[in-house]
N, C-alpha and C. Protein backbone atom coordinates (compact mmCIF):
# COMPACT_ATOMS: atom_id res chain seq x y z
N MET A 1 170.65 119.53 102.80
CA MET A 1 169.71 119.27 103.24
C MET A 1 169.40 117.59 102.25
N SER A 2 169.28 116.73 102.88
CA SER A 2 169.16 115.28 102.12
C SER A 2 167.85 115.27 101.44
N VAL A 3 167.55 114.48 100.96
CA VAL A 3 165.48 114.69 100.52
C VAL A 3 165.38 113.54 102.05
N GLU A 4 165.66 112.75 102.70
CA GLU A 4 165.46 111.81 103.80
C GLU A 4 165.12 113.20 104.96
N GLU A 5 166.07 114.54 105.21
CA GLU A 5 165.81 115.20 105.80
C GLU A 5 164.49 116.22 105.60
N PHE A 6 164.91 116.42 104.24
CA PHE A 6 163.49 117.48 103.57
C PHE A 6 162.54 117.18 104.07
N LEU A 7 162.21 115.64 103.80
CA LEU A 7 160.70 115.29 104.07
C LEU A 7 160.24 115.14 105.51
N LEU A 8 161.10 115.61 106.28
CA LEU A 8 160.98 115.36 108.04
C LEU A 8 160.84 116.50 108.09
N TRP A 9 161.36 118.07 107.43
CA TRP A 9 161.56 119.17 107.98
C TRP A 9 160.36 119.96 107.71
N ASP A 10 160.34 120.61 108.60
CA ASP A 10 158.68 121.78 108.57
C ASP A 10 159.36 122.98 108.72
N SER A 11 159.12 123.87 107.57
CA SER A 11 159.67 125.29 108.06
C SER A 11 158.60 126.13 109.06
N HIS A 12 157.25 125.82 109.07
CA HIS A 12 156.56 126.20 110.28
C HIS A 12 156.28 127.96 109.45
N ASP A 13 156.48 127.97 108.58
CA ASP A 13 155.96 129.06 107.84
C ASP A 13 154.49 129.06 106.90
N GLY A 14 154.27 127.78 106.72
CA GLY A 14 153.02 127.71 105.88
C GLY A 14 153.35 127.40 104.39
N LEU A 15 154.40 127.77 103.99
CA LEU A 15 154.42 127.66 102.30
C LEU A 15 154.75 126.41 101.98
N ARG A 16 154.80 126.18 100.43
CA ARG A 16 155.29 124.75 100.28
C ARG A 16 156.87 124.63 99.77
N TYR A 17 157.33 123.76 99.43
CA TYR A 17 158.95 124.16 99.14
C TYR A 17 158.96 122.58 98.46
N GLU A 18 160.17 122.66 97.91
CA GLU A 18 160.50 121.66 96.99
C GLU A 18 162.35 121.84 97.58
N LEU A 19 162.89 120.75 97.30
CA LEU A 19 164.46 120.37 97.49
C LEU A 19 164.95 120.65 95.73
N VAL A 20 165.95 121.39 96.13
CA VAL A 20 166.91 122.06 94.96
C VAL A 20 168.27 121.31 95.14
N ASP A 21 168.87 120.60 94.84
CA ASP A 21 170.07 120.45 94.97
C ASP A 21 170.63 120.67 96.66
N GLY A 22 170.16 120.35 97.31
CA GLY A 22 169.78 120.07 98.69
C GLY A 22 169.29 121.53 99.78
N VAL A 23 168.90 122.47 98.77
CA VAL A 23 168.60 123.43 99.36
C VAL A 23 166.81 123.59 99.40
N PRO A 24 166.28 123.78 100.45
CA PRO A 24 164.67 123.96 100.07
C PRO A 24 164.67 125.19 99.48
N ARG A 25 163.50 125.20 98.63
CA ARG A 25 163.38 126.12 97.42
C ARG A 25 161.82 126.72 97.77
N ALA A 26 161.12 127.67 97.94
CA ALA A 26 159.83 127.90 98.16
C ALA A 26 159.42 127.98 97.34
N MET A 27 157.91 127.43 97.10
CA MET A 27 157.11 127.55 95.64
C MET A 27 156.31 128.49 95.69
N ALA A 28 155.81 129.41 94.69
CA ALA A 28 155.27 130.80 95.15
C ALA A 28 153.50 130.40 95.10
N PRO A 29 152.36 130.65 95.60
CA PRO A 29 151.35 130.29 95.63
C PRO A 29 150.95 130.56 93.91
N PRO A 30 149.89 129.27 93.65
CA PRO A 30 149.66 129.64 92.28
C PRO A 30 148.41 130.64 91.97
N ARG A 31 147.97 131.20 91.04
CA ARG A 31 147.10 132.18 90.59
C ARG A 31 146.26 131.47 89.91
N VAL A 32 144.94 132.26 90.08
CA VAL A 32 143.78 131.23 89.76
C VAL A 32 144.02 130.47 87.94
N VAL A 33 144.53 131.16 87.13
CA VAL A 33 144.40 130.51 85.73
C VAL A 33 145.60 129.40 86.16
N HIS A 34 146.09 129.13 86.89
CA HIS A 34 147.22 127.99 87.16
C HIS A 34 145.83 127.00 87.38
N GLY A 35 145.32 127.32 88.64
CA GLY A 35 144.72 126.42 89.51
C GLY A 35 143.46 125.61 88.22
N LEU A 36 143.26 127.01 87.75
CA LEU A 36 142.12 126.18 86.85
C LEU A 36 142.55 125.21 85.46
N LEU A 37 143.72 125.79 84.97
CA LEU A 37 144.77 124.59 84.03
C LEU A 37 145.24 123.01 84.61
N GLN A 38 145.19 123.40 85.94
CA GLN A 38 145.76 122.06 86.73
C GLN A 38 144.60 120.85 86.78
N SER A 39 143.52 121.71 87.32
CA SER A 39 142.17 121.19 87.45
C SER A 39 141.41 120.49 86.24
N GLU A 40 141.64 121.61 84.97
CA GLU A 40 140.92 120.65 84.06
C GLU A 40 141.78 119.79 83.71
N LEU A 41 143.01 119.76 83.10
CA LEU A 41 143.44 118.72 82.61
C LEU A 41 144.06 117.35 83.50
N GLY A 42 143.90 117.91 84.73
CA GLY A 42 144.21 116.38 85.64
C GLY A 42 142.87 115.71 85.16
N SER A 43 141.49 116.55 85.58
CA SER A 43 139.90 115.54 85.05
C SER A 43 139.88 115.02 83.98
N LEU A 44 140.87 115.82 82.80
CA LEU A 44 140.44 115.33 81.65
C LEU A 44 141.59 113.85 81.48
N LEU A 45 142.41 113.82 82.12
CA LEU A 45 143.45 112.88 82.11
C LEU A 45 142.81 111.82 83.31
N ARG A 46 142.54 111.98 84.14
CA ARG A 46 141.86 110.90 84.86
C ARG A 46 140.57 110.22 84.42
N ASN A 47 139.62 111.07 83.44
CA ASN A 47 138.54 110.35 83.05
C ASN A 47 139.17 109.50 81.57
N HIS A 48 140.44 110.18 80.98
CA HIS A 48 140.83 109.23 80.00
C HIS A 48 141.49 107.72 80.54
N LEU A 49 142.18 108.31 81.59
CA LEU A 49 142.84 106.65 82.21
C LEU A 49 141.81 105.91 82.64
N ARG A 50 140.54 105.98 83.22
CA ARG A 50 139.76 105.69 84.07
C ARG A 50 139.16 104.63 82.83
N ALA A 51 138.94 105.37 81.25
CA ALA A 51 138.55 104.62 80.41
C ALA A 51 139.63 103.92 79.69
N HIS A 52 140.68 103.96 79.41
CA HIS A 52 141.35 103.40 78.49
C HIS A 52 142.95 103.00 79.36
N HIS A 53 143.61 103.44 80.06
CA HIS A 53 144.52 102.92 80.68
C HIS A 53 144.70 102.44 82.76
N THR A 54 143.31 101.41 82.98
CA THR A 54 143.26 101.78 84.19
C THR A 54 144.29 101.36 85.28
N ALA A 55 145.32 100.98 84.90
CA ALA A 55 146.55 100.95 86.03
C ALA A 55 147.25 102.41 85.69
N TYR A 56 146.92 103.09 85.27
CA TYR A 56 147.77 104.35 85.42
C TYR A 56 146.55 105.37 86.18
N GLN A 57 147.50 106.22 87.05
CA GLN A 57 146.78 107.29 88.11
C GLN A 57 147.61 108.97 87.38
N VAL A 58 146.52 109.47 87.85
CA VAL A 58 147.15 111.05 87.54
C VAL A 58 147.51 111.47 89.14
N ILE A 59 148.10 112.37 89.41
CA ILE A 59 148.47 112.75 90.86
C ILE A 59 148.96 114.01 90.32
N SER A 60 148.30 114.70 91.49
CA SER A 60 148.64 116.69 91.52
C SER A 60 149.48 116.75 92.10
N ASN A 61 150.48 117.65 92.09
CA ASN A 61 151.62 118.06 92.93
C ASN A 61 152.12 116.72 93.57
N PRO A 62 152.85 115.94 92.64
CA PRO A 62 153.27 114.79 93.15
C PRO A 62 154.61 115.55 93.33
N GLY A 63 155.41 114.88 94.35
CA GLY A 63 157.09 114.99 94.59
C GLY A 63 157.77 113.84 93.64
N VAL A 64 158.98 114.39 93.30
CA VAL A 64 159.69 113.36 92.10
C VAL A 64 161.20 113.56 92.43
N VAL A 65 161.87 112.46 92.43
CA VAL A 65 162.96 112.58 92.78
C VAL A 65 163.97 112.14 91.58
N PRO A 66 164.63 113.39 90.69
CA PRO A 66 165.16 113.05 89.77
C PRO A 66 166.43 112.28 90.00
N ARG A 67 167.08 111.64 88.54
CA ARG A 67 168.22 110.85 88.64
C ARG A 67 169.48 111.59 89.06
N LEU A 68 169.43 113.06 88.49
CA LEU A 68 170.49 113.47 88.89
C LEU A 68 170.87 113.96 90.38
N LEU A 69 171.73 113.84 91.32
CA LEU A 69 171.57 114.40 92.33
C LEU A 69 170.60 113.88 93.39
N SER A 70 170.12 112.38 93.14
CA SER A 70 168.82 112.06 93.45
C SER A 70 168.99 112.37 95.46
N ALA A 71 169.92 112.40 96.09
CA ALA A 71 169.83 112.22 96.94
C ALA A 71 169.72 113.78 97.77
N HIS A 72 169.87 114.71 96.99
CA HIS A 72 169.27 116.06 97.23
C HIS A 72 167.98 116.94 96.63
N ASN A 73 167.25 116.01 95.86
CA ASN A 73 166.54 116.77 94.74
C ASN A 73 164.94 116.17 94.84
N PHE A 74 164.29 117.14 95.34
CA PHE A 74 162.62 116.18 95.29
C PHE A 74 162.07 117.47 94.83
N ARG A 75 162.02 117.27 93.67
CA ARG A 75 161.03 118.47 93.27
C ARG A 75 159.52 118.06 93.05
N VAL A 76 158.85 119.34 92.44
CA VAL A 76 157.40 119.19 92.84
C VAL A 76 156.93 119.81 91.55
N PRO A 77 156.38 118.52 90.34
CA PRO A 77 155.51 119.23 89.28
C PRO A 77 154.15 119.36 89.62
N ASP A 78 153.55 120.19 88.81
CA ASP A 78 151.87 120.45 88.85
C ASP A 78 150.75 118.93 88.96
N LEU A 79 151.25 118.09 87.61
CA LEU A 79 150.60 117.25 87.27
C LEU A 79 151.74 116.00 87.26
N GLY A 80 151.54 114.78 87.62
CA GLY A 80 152.12 113.39 86.87
C GLY A 80 151.09 112.25 87.13
N VAL A 81 151.48 111.57 86.17
CA VAL A 81 151.21 110.34 85.73
C VAL A 81 152.11 109.04 85.91
N THR A 82 151.49 108.15 86.42
CA THR A 82 152.64 106.88 86.78
C THR A 82 151.50 105.85 86.43
N CYS A 83 152.22 104.49 86.47
CA CYS A 83 151.41 103.39 86.38
C CYS A 83 152.03 102.42 87.26
N SER A 84 152.51 102.73 88.02
CA SER A 84 152.97 101.92 88.97
C SER A 84 152.36 102.29 90.40
N PRO A 85 151.92 101.06 91.11
CA PRO A 85 151.29 101.24 92.40
C PRO A 85 151.16 102.31 93.13
N VAL A 86 150.57 102.87 93.72
CA VAL A 86 150.49 104.33 94.80
C VAL A 86 150.21 103.87 95.99
N THR A 87 151.18 104.05 96.93
CA THR A 87 150.93 103.39 98.52
C THR A 87 150.50 105.06 99.64
N PRO A 88 149.97 104.79 100.49
CA PRO A 88 149.42 105.75 101.25
C PRO A 88 150.92 106.04 102.00
N THR A 89 151.71 105.31 102.35
CA THR A 89 152.90 106.26 102.87
C THR A 89 153.97 106.86 101.91
N GLN A 90 153.87 106.64 100.52
CA GLN A 90 154.74 106.75 99.48
C GLN A 90 155.03 108.54 99.46
N ALA A 91 156.28 109.04 99.41
CA ALA A 91 156.83 110.26 99.65
C ALA A 91 156.88 111.12 97.94
N ALA A 92 156.86 110.12 97.31
CA ALA A 92 157.44 110.29 96.26
C ALA A 92 156.71 109.46 94.74
N LEU A 93 156.39 110.18 93.63
CA LEU A 93 155.92 109.45 92.93
C LEU A 93 156.99 108.35 92.03
N ILE A 94 156.53 107.16 91.67
CA ILE A 94 157.29 106.29 91.36
C ILE A 94 157.23 105.99 89.88
N GLU A 95 158.22 105.78 89.09
CA GLU A 95 157.96 105.89 87.84
C GLU A 95 157.15 106.57 86.98
N PRO A 96 157.78 107.32 86.88
CA PRO A 96 156.33 108.83 86.48
C PRO A 96 156.75 108.56 85.05
N VAL A 97 155.59 108.41 83.98
CA VAL A 97 155.86 108.64 82.24
C VAL A 97 155.36 109.98 81.70
N LEU A 98 154.67 110.48 82.59
CA LEU A 98 154.36 112.21 82.24
C LEU A 98 154.61 113.12 83.12
N LEU A 99 155.09 114.25 82.97
CA LEU A 99 154.88 114.95 84.16
C LEU A 99 154.72 116.65 83.62
N ILE A 100 154.18 117.15 84.11
CA ILE A 100 153.07 118.37 83.73
C ILE A 100 153.67 119.56 84.31
N GLU A 101 154.10 120.72 83.78
CA GLU A 101 154.40 122.00 84.48
C GLU A 101 153.51 123.24 84.05
N ILE A 102 152.97 124.19 84.81
CA ILE A 102 152.38 125.25 84.27
C ILE A 102 153.43 126.18 84.67
N LEU A 103 153.41 126.91 83.87
CA LEU A 103 154.79 128.12 83.36
C LEU A 103 153.86 129.39 83.54
N SER A 104 154.53 129.48 84.97
CA SER A 104 153.62 131.44 85.24
C SER A 104 154.83 132.46 85.08
N PRO A 105 154.43 133.66 84.96
CA PRO A 105 155.59 134.87 84.79
C PRO A 105 156.69 135.05 85.78
N GLY A 106 156.22 134.66 87.15
CA GLY A 106 157.26 134.83 88.21
C GLY A 106 157.77 133.31 88.67
N ASN A 107 157.54 132.35 87.95
CA ASN A 107 158.71 131.13 88.42
C ASN A 107 159.11 130.26 86.69
N GLN A 108 159.77 130.97 85.65
CA GLN A 108 159.69 130.79 84.53
C GLN A 108 161.22 129.74 84.77
N ALA A 109 162.49 130.33 85.49
CA ALA A 109 163.49 129.99 85.59
C ALA A 109 163.34 128.77 86.26
N GLU A 110 163.07 128.70 87.52
CA GLU A 110 162.83 127.58 88.19
C GLU A 110 161.99 126.04 87.47
N THR A 111 160.73 126.79 86.79
CA THR A 111 160.01 125.65 86.27
C THR A 111 160.92 124.98 85.09
N TRP A 112 161.84 125.80 84.79
CA TRP A 112 162.20 124.96 83.59
C TRP A 112 163.54 124.64 84.10
N SER A 113 164.14 125.21 85.08
CA SER A 113 164.85 124.05 85.96
C SER A 113 164.44 123.11 86.09
N ASN A 114 163.37 122.72 86.71
CA ASN A 114 162.80 121.32 87.07
C ASN A 114 162.57 120.66 85.60
N VAL A 115 162.14 121.22 84.55
CA VAL A 115 161.48 120.48 83.55
C VAL A 115 162.98 119.50 82.78
N TRP A 116 164.13 120.30 82.63
CA TRP A 116 165.43 119.90 82.55
C TRP A 116 165.98 118.64 83.32
N THR A 117 166.01 118.61 84.68
CA THR A 117 165.66 117.77 85.49
C THR A 117 164.88 116.41 85.53
N TYR A 118 163.86 116.87 85.19
CA TYR A 118 162.85 115.66 84.66
C TYR A 118 163.28 114.66 84.03
N THR A 119 164.35 115.17 82.93
CA THR A 119 164.62 114.84 81.79
C THR A 119 165.75 113.11 82.25
N SER A 120 166.09 113.23 83.39
CA SER A 120 167.28 112.23 84.08
C SER A 120 166.29 111.24 84.34
N ILE A 121 165.00 111.16 84.60
CA ILE A 121 164.15 110.32 85.34
C ILE A 121 163.98 109.09 84.27
N PRO A 122 164.37 108.25 84.39
CA PRO A 122 164.44 107.09 83.09
C PRO A 122 162.93 106.65 82.49
N THR A 123 161.63 106.81 83.59
CA THR A 123 160.78 106.09 82.94
C THR A 123 160.06 107.26 82.35
N VAL A 124 160.42 108.79 82.02
CA VAL A 124 159.53 110.04 81.97
C VAL A 124 159.71 109.69 80.37
N GLN A 125 158.29 109.88 79.53
CA GLN A 125 158.24 109.49 78.29
C GLN A 125 158.15 110.89 77.60
N GLU A 126 157.18 111.66 78.33
CA GLU A 126 156.87 113.09 78.17
C GLU A 126 156.73 114.00 78.87
N ILE A 127 157.32 115.81 78.82
CA ILE A 127 156.96 116.55 79.66
C ILE A 127 156.17 117.51 79.06
N LEU A 128 155.20 118.02 79.68
CA LEU A 128 154.30 119.18 79.02
C LEU A 128 154.24 120.22 79.67
N ILE A 129 154.49 121.34 79.07
CA ILE A 129 154.64 122.79 80.01
C ILE A 129 153.41 123.88 79.50
N LEU A 130 152.36 123.72 80.31
CA LEU A 130 151.63 124.82 79.88
C LEU A 130 152.02 126.41 80.37
N HIS A 131 151.30 126.91 79.43
CA HIS A 131 151.80 128.64 79.46
C HIS A 131 150.39 129.12 80.44
N SER A 132 150.42 129.76 81.52
CA SER A 132 149.24 130.36 82.11
C SER A 132 148.45 132.16 81.76
N THR A 133 149.58 132.68 80.51
CA THR A 133 149.07 133.89 79.85
C THR A 133 148.72 133.88 78.85
N ARG A 134 148.37 132.71 78.26
CA ARG A 134 148.17 132.64 76.70
C ARG A 134 147.85 131.21 76.38
N ILE A 135 147.37 130.97 75.72
CA ILE A 135 146.83 129.67 74.99
C ILE A 135 148.02 129.19 74.32
N ALA A 136 148.94 128.13 75.10
CA ALA A 136 149.92 127.67 73.89
C ALA A 136 150.74 126.71 75.13
N ALA A 137 151.64 126.01 74.47
CA ALA A 137 152.41 124.93 75.42
C ALA A 137 153.56 124.47 74.98
N GLU A 138 154.05 123.84 75.32
CA GLU A 138 155.46 123.17 74.83
C GLU A 138 155.53 121.60 75.45
N LEU A 139 155.92 121.08 74.11
CA LEU A 139 156.12 119.48 75.00
C LEU A 139 157.67 118.85 74.42
N LEU A 140 157.70 118.00 75.23
CA LEU A 140 159.12 117.39 75.48
C LEU A 140 158.73 116.11 75.04
N ARG A 141 159.25 115.22 74.04
CA ARG A 141 159.03 113.91 74.15
C ARG A 141 160.10 112.93 73.49
N ARG A 142 160.63 112.08 74.54
CA ARG A 142 161.83 111.37 74.39
C ARG A 142 161.56 110.41 73.18
N ALA A 143 162.72 110.58 72.29
CA ALA A 143 162.99 109.44 71.04
C ALA A 143 162.98 108.22 71.62
N ASP A 144 162.91 107.34 70.86
CA ASP A 144 162.93 105.87 70.73
C ASP A 144 164.24 105.98 71.26
N ASP A 145 165.04 106.04 70.89
CA ASP A 145 166.88 105.81 71.33
C ASP A 145 166.76 106.25 72.64
N GLY A 146 165.78 106.61 73.63
CA GLY A 146 166.17 107.49 74.91
C GLY A 146 166.42 108.70 74.82
N THR A 147 166.75 109.72 73.74
CA THR A 147 167.22 110.98 73.65
C THR A 147 166.25 112.05 74.10
N TRP A 148 166.75 112.78 74.30
CA TRP A 148 165.30 114.07 74.76
C TRP A 148 165.88 114.98 73.59
N PRO A 149 164.93 115.95 72.65
CA PRO A 149 165.36 116.87 71.55
C PRO A 149 166.09 118.25 72.46
N GLU A 150 166.94 118.68 71.82
CA GLU A 150 167.26 119.94 72.08
C GLU A 150 166.50 120.85 72.39
N ARG A 151 165.01 121.09 71.78
CA ARG A 151 164.26 122.20 72.20
C ARG A 151 162.80 121.64 72.56
N PRO A 152 161.93 122.17 72.75
CA PRO A 152 160.23 121.33 73.20
C PRO A 152 159.66 122.10 71.91
N GLU A 153 158.70 120.98 71.44
CA GLU A 153 157.95 121.08 70.22
C GLU A 153 157.07 122.53 70.48
N GLN A 154 156.76 123.49 70.16
CA GLN A 154 156.15 124.26 70.39
C GLN A 154 154.59 124.10 70.02
N LEU A 155 153.73 124.24 70.61
CA LEU A 155 151.90 124.17 70.28
C LEU A 155 151.29 125.16 70.66
N ALA A 156 150.39 125.93 69.52
CA ALA A 156 149.55 127.33 69.74
C ALA A 156 148.20 127.20 69.60
N GLY A 157 148.01 125.91 69.05
CA GLY A 157 146.90 125.69 68.29
C GLY A 157 146.59 124.36 68.13
N GLY A 158 145.49 123.69 67.64
CA GLY A 158 145.23 122.34 67.45
C GLY A 158 145.28 121.50 68.47
N ASP A 159 145.41 120.19 68.19
CA ASP A 159 144.97 119.36 69.50
C ASP A 159 146.45 119.05 70.21
N LEU A 160 146.48 119.10 71.30
CA LEU A 160 147.52 118.64 72.27
C LEU A 160 147.48 116.73 72.20
N VAL A 161 148.67 116.42 72.00
CA VAL A 161 148.76 114.95 72.10
C VAL A 161 149.39 114.57 72.65
N LEU A 162 148.95 113.90 73.42
CA LEU A 162 150.42 112.92 74.75
C LEU A 162 150.32 111.46 74.21
N ARG A 163 151.30 111.14 73.36
CA ARG A 163 151.54 109.71 72.77
C ARG A 163 151.97 108.64 73.92
N SER A 164 152.31 109.21 74.93
CA SER A 164 152.63 107.94 76.16
C SER A 164 151.20 107.52 76.75
N LEU A 165 149.77 108.27 76.62
CA LEU A 165 148.98 108.14 77.04
C LEU A 165 147.61 107.74 76.32
N ASP A 166 148.22 107.83 75.02
CA ASP A 166 146.93 108.12 73.58
C ASP A 166 145.94 108.90 74.34
N PHE A 167 146.38 110.23 74.06
CA PHE A 167 145.35 111.49 74.79
C PHE A 167 145.38 112.28 73.66
N ARG A 168 144.33 113.36 73.16
CA ARG A 168 144.56 113.74 72.39
C ARG A 168 142.92 114.88 73.09
N VAL A 169 143.35 115.81 73.02
CA VAL A 169 142.71 117.46 73.23
C VAL A 169 142.63 118.57 72.55
N PRO A 170 141.66 119.18 72.06
CA PRO A 170 141.98 119.95 71.38
C PRO A 170 142.50 121.06 72.65
N LEU A 171 143.76 121.91 72.10
CA LEU A 171 144.14 122.75 73.04
C LEU A 171 143.25 123.87 73.25
N ALA A 172 142.58 124.65 72.78
CA ALA A 172 141.75 125.62 72.86
C ALA A 172 140.56 125.60 74.12
N ALA A 173 140.28 124.17 73.86
CA ALA A 173 139.33 123.45 75.01
C ALA A 173 139.84 123.23 76.35
N LEU A 174 141.08 123.21 76.48
CA LEU A 174 141.65 123.01 77.83
C LEU A 174 141.86 124.35 78.77
N TYR A 175 141.93 125.46 77.46
CA TYR A 175 142.36 126.71 78.47
C TYR A 175 140.95 127.50 78.28
N GLU A 176 139.79 126.90 77.76
CA GLU A 176 138.15 127.41 77.78
C GLU A 176 137.87 128.33 79.30
N ALA A 177 138.05 127.72 80.49
CA ALA A 177 137.42 128.38 81.16
C ALA A 177 138.46 129.44 81.87
N THR A 178 139.53 129.93 81.21
CA THR A 178 140.52 130.68 81.68
C THR A 178 140.36 132.13 81.37
N GLY A 179 139.38 132.35 80.18
CA GLY A 179 139.52 133.32 79.22
C GLY A 179 140.78 133.95 78.95
N LEU A 180 141.43 133.28 78.77
CA LEU A 180 143.00 133.28 77.65
C LEU A 180 142.41 132.90 75.88
N THR A 181 143.41 133.74 76.09
CA THR A 181 143.34 133.53 74.18
C THR A 181 144.63 133.92 73.61
N ALA A 182 144.81 132.92 72.09
CA ALA A 182 145.79 132.80 71.72
C ALA A 182 146.87 134.03 71.22
């Protein structure tokens, strides 16, 4: 299936899908902690962007088209940030600078597949992966020469720093409403 066909397709089953190498892949319904993390970080980013980067917008569950096999891939991260204008008829997030995934126990392989695919999008500067079972995150940051590290930076405490947005928040504060511990 192509991206164009996928965007017109209706599964009639009420599930959310993303397109992976031409095949629709159902996305599991998120758990409550997943939703709490997505809402909290989305709100913090929105407030930060309104105060410091007014041309930027944070979007929940945006579709993105990676450069690899772009005609047959439409992936859906949990959050995305762009500084490109957003239009009402737009299907995919254009020129994302930051993409965020929340890692749940049941979808780790799919999430990591998406993460590595996001590195093919030329405008993406950082990819954040938040864990949903403990206070921890992993961060991939594009180097000045355009390359990506072999492994993500592990974050288990201290501040979460997103250089692409000049954003900083204590990691523990982000997880406060979840009841999770390190």
